[in-house]
Amino acid sequence: MPRTNFPDHPESTLDAAATAWVGAGRSCLVRAARGELVGEPFELAAFLVRWNLRGIGVHDEAIDQAIAFAEAAMAAPGDRKASPRADA
C-alpha cells in the first residue's frame, strides 16, 4: 500500500493493512466463486470496498462518491454488463 495514497496511516502497520486488504478481497472472491456468498457481484464489490476503505479511515462520503462513480461507469454504453461475456 503506497505511502503516498494513505499518508496518515501509521508506517508501523502499513504492511499489515495491505495484507489484510488483499486477504479480504481474495477471501470474498474465492467464497463468491464457490457460491458461498450470496449477492450480486456489484453489491459484493461495494461491500468489500466499504469494508476496506473504512478500515483505513476513509470517510463514508468519499466512499459513497467512489461507489457511485463506479456504478455510473458500469452503466455507461459498452460496459461489461452489456457485453456477451458478462456472465462468463
Protein backbone atom coordinates (compact mmCIF):
# COMPACT_ATOMS: atom_id res chain seq x y z
CA MET A 1 0.00 0.00 0.00
CA PRO A 2 1.80 3.12 -1.16
CA ARG A 3 2.56 5.71 1.49
CA THR A 4 1.52 8.43 -0.98
CA ASN A 5 -2.05 7.09 -1.11
CA PHE A 6 -2.52 6.95 2.66
CA PRO A 7 -0.10 9.42 4.22
CA ASP A 8 -1.96 9.48 7.56
CA HIS A 9 -1.80 5.72 8.03
CA PRO A 10 0.88 4.75 10.58
CA GLU A 11 4.04 3.45 8.91
CA SER A 12 4.29 0.69 11.51
CA THR A 13 1.09 -1.02 10.33
CA LEU A 14 1.23 -0.25 6.61
CA ASP A 15 2.28 -3.79 5.63
CA ALA A 16 -0.36 -5.35 7.90
CA ALA A 17 -3.04 -3.11 6.39
CA ALA A 18 -2.02 -4.08 2.85
CA THR A 19 -2.05 -7.77 3.78
CA ALA A 20 -5.50 -7.51 5.37
CA TRP A 21 -6.79 -5.59 2.34
CA VAL A 22 -5.59 -8.24 -0.12
CA GLY A 23 -6.66 -11.11 2.12
CA ALA A 24 -10.21 -9.81 2.50
CA GLY A 25 -10.57 -9.36 -1.25
CA ARG A 26 -9.16 -12.78 -2.05
CA SER A 27 -11.36 -14.49 0.54
CA CYS A 28 -14.51 -12.80 -0.77
CA LEU A 29 -13.62 -13.67 -4.36
CA VAL A 30 -12.99 -17.34 -3.54
CA ARG A 31 -16.16 -17.69 -1.47
CA ALA A 32 -18.26 -15.96 -4.15
CA ALA A 33 -16.83 -18.27 -6.81
CA ARG A 34 -17.77 -21.26 -4.65
CA GLY A 35 -21.32 -19.90 -4.26
CA GLU A 36 -20.81 -19.38 -0.51
CA LEU A 37 -21.54 -15.64 -0.63
CA VAL A 38 -24.97 -14.60 -1.79
CA GLY A 39 -25.44 -11.37 -3.69
CA GLU A 40 -24.96 -9.62 -6.96
CA PRO A 41 -21.32 -9.03 -7.96
CA PHE A 42 -21.63 -5.23 -7.75
CA GLU A 43 -23.24 -5.45 -4.29
CA LEU A 44 -20.47 -7.73 -3.02
CA ALA A 45 -17.83 -5.46 -4.53
CA ALA A 46 -19.41 -2.36 -2.96
CA PHE A 47 -19.50 -4.09 0.43
CA LEU A 48 -15.82 -5.03 0.13
CA VAL A 49 -14.88 -1.50 -0.94
CA ARG A 50 -16.75 -0.02 2.02
CA TRP A 51 -15.20 -2.52 4.43
CA ASN A 52 -11.65 -1.92 3.25
CA LEU A 53 -11.84 1.85 2.90
CA ARG A 54 -13.49 2.31 6.30
CA GLY A 55 -10.72 0.16 7.75
CA ILE A 56 -8.12 2.67 6.63
CA GLY A 57 -10.14 5.68 7.74
CA VAL A 58 -11.75 6.92 4.53
CA HIS A 59 -14.92 8.85 5.30
CA ASP A 60 -18.29 7.45 4.21
CA GLU A 61 -18.99 10.43 1.94
CA ALA A 62 -15.84 9.76 -0.10
CA ILE A 63 -16.65 6.05 -0.24
CA ASP A 64 -20.20 6.77 -1.43
CA GLN A 65 -18.82 9.03 -4.17
CA ALA A 66 -16.34 6.38 -5.32
CA ILE A 67 -19.01 3.68 -5.45
CA ALA A 68 -21.44 5.98 -7.28
CA PHE A 69 -18.70 6.79 -9.82
CA ALA A 70 -18.01 3.07 -10.38
CA GLU A 71 -21.72 2.34 -10.73
CA ALA A 72 -22.11 5.12 -13.31
CA ALA A 73 -19.10 3.83 -15.23
CA MET A 74 -20.61 0.32 -15.29
CA ALA A 75 -23.88 1.73 -16.65
CA ALA A 76 -22.12 3.56 -19.48
CA PRO A 77 -22.53 2.31 -23.05
CA GLY A 78 -20.16 -0.55 -23.82
CA ASP A 79 -19.85 -1.67 -20.21
CA ARG A 80 -19.06 -5.29 -19.34
CA LYS A 81 -22.61 -5.97 -18.11
CA ALA A 82 -23.86 -5.44 -21.64
CA SER A 83 -21.11 -7.48 -23.29
CA PRO A 84 -21.69 -11.07 -24.43
CA ARG A 85 -19.05 -12.33 -21.99
CA ALA A 86 -20.51 -10.57 -18.93
CA ASP A 87 -21.74 -13.87 -17.49
CA ALA A 88 -18.62 -15.84 -18.45
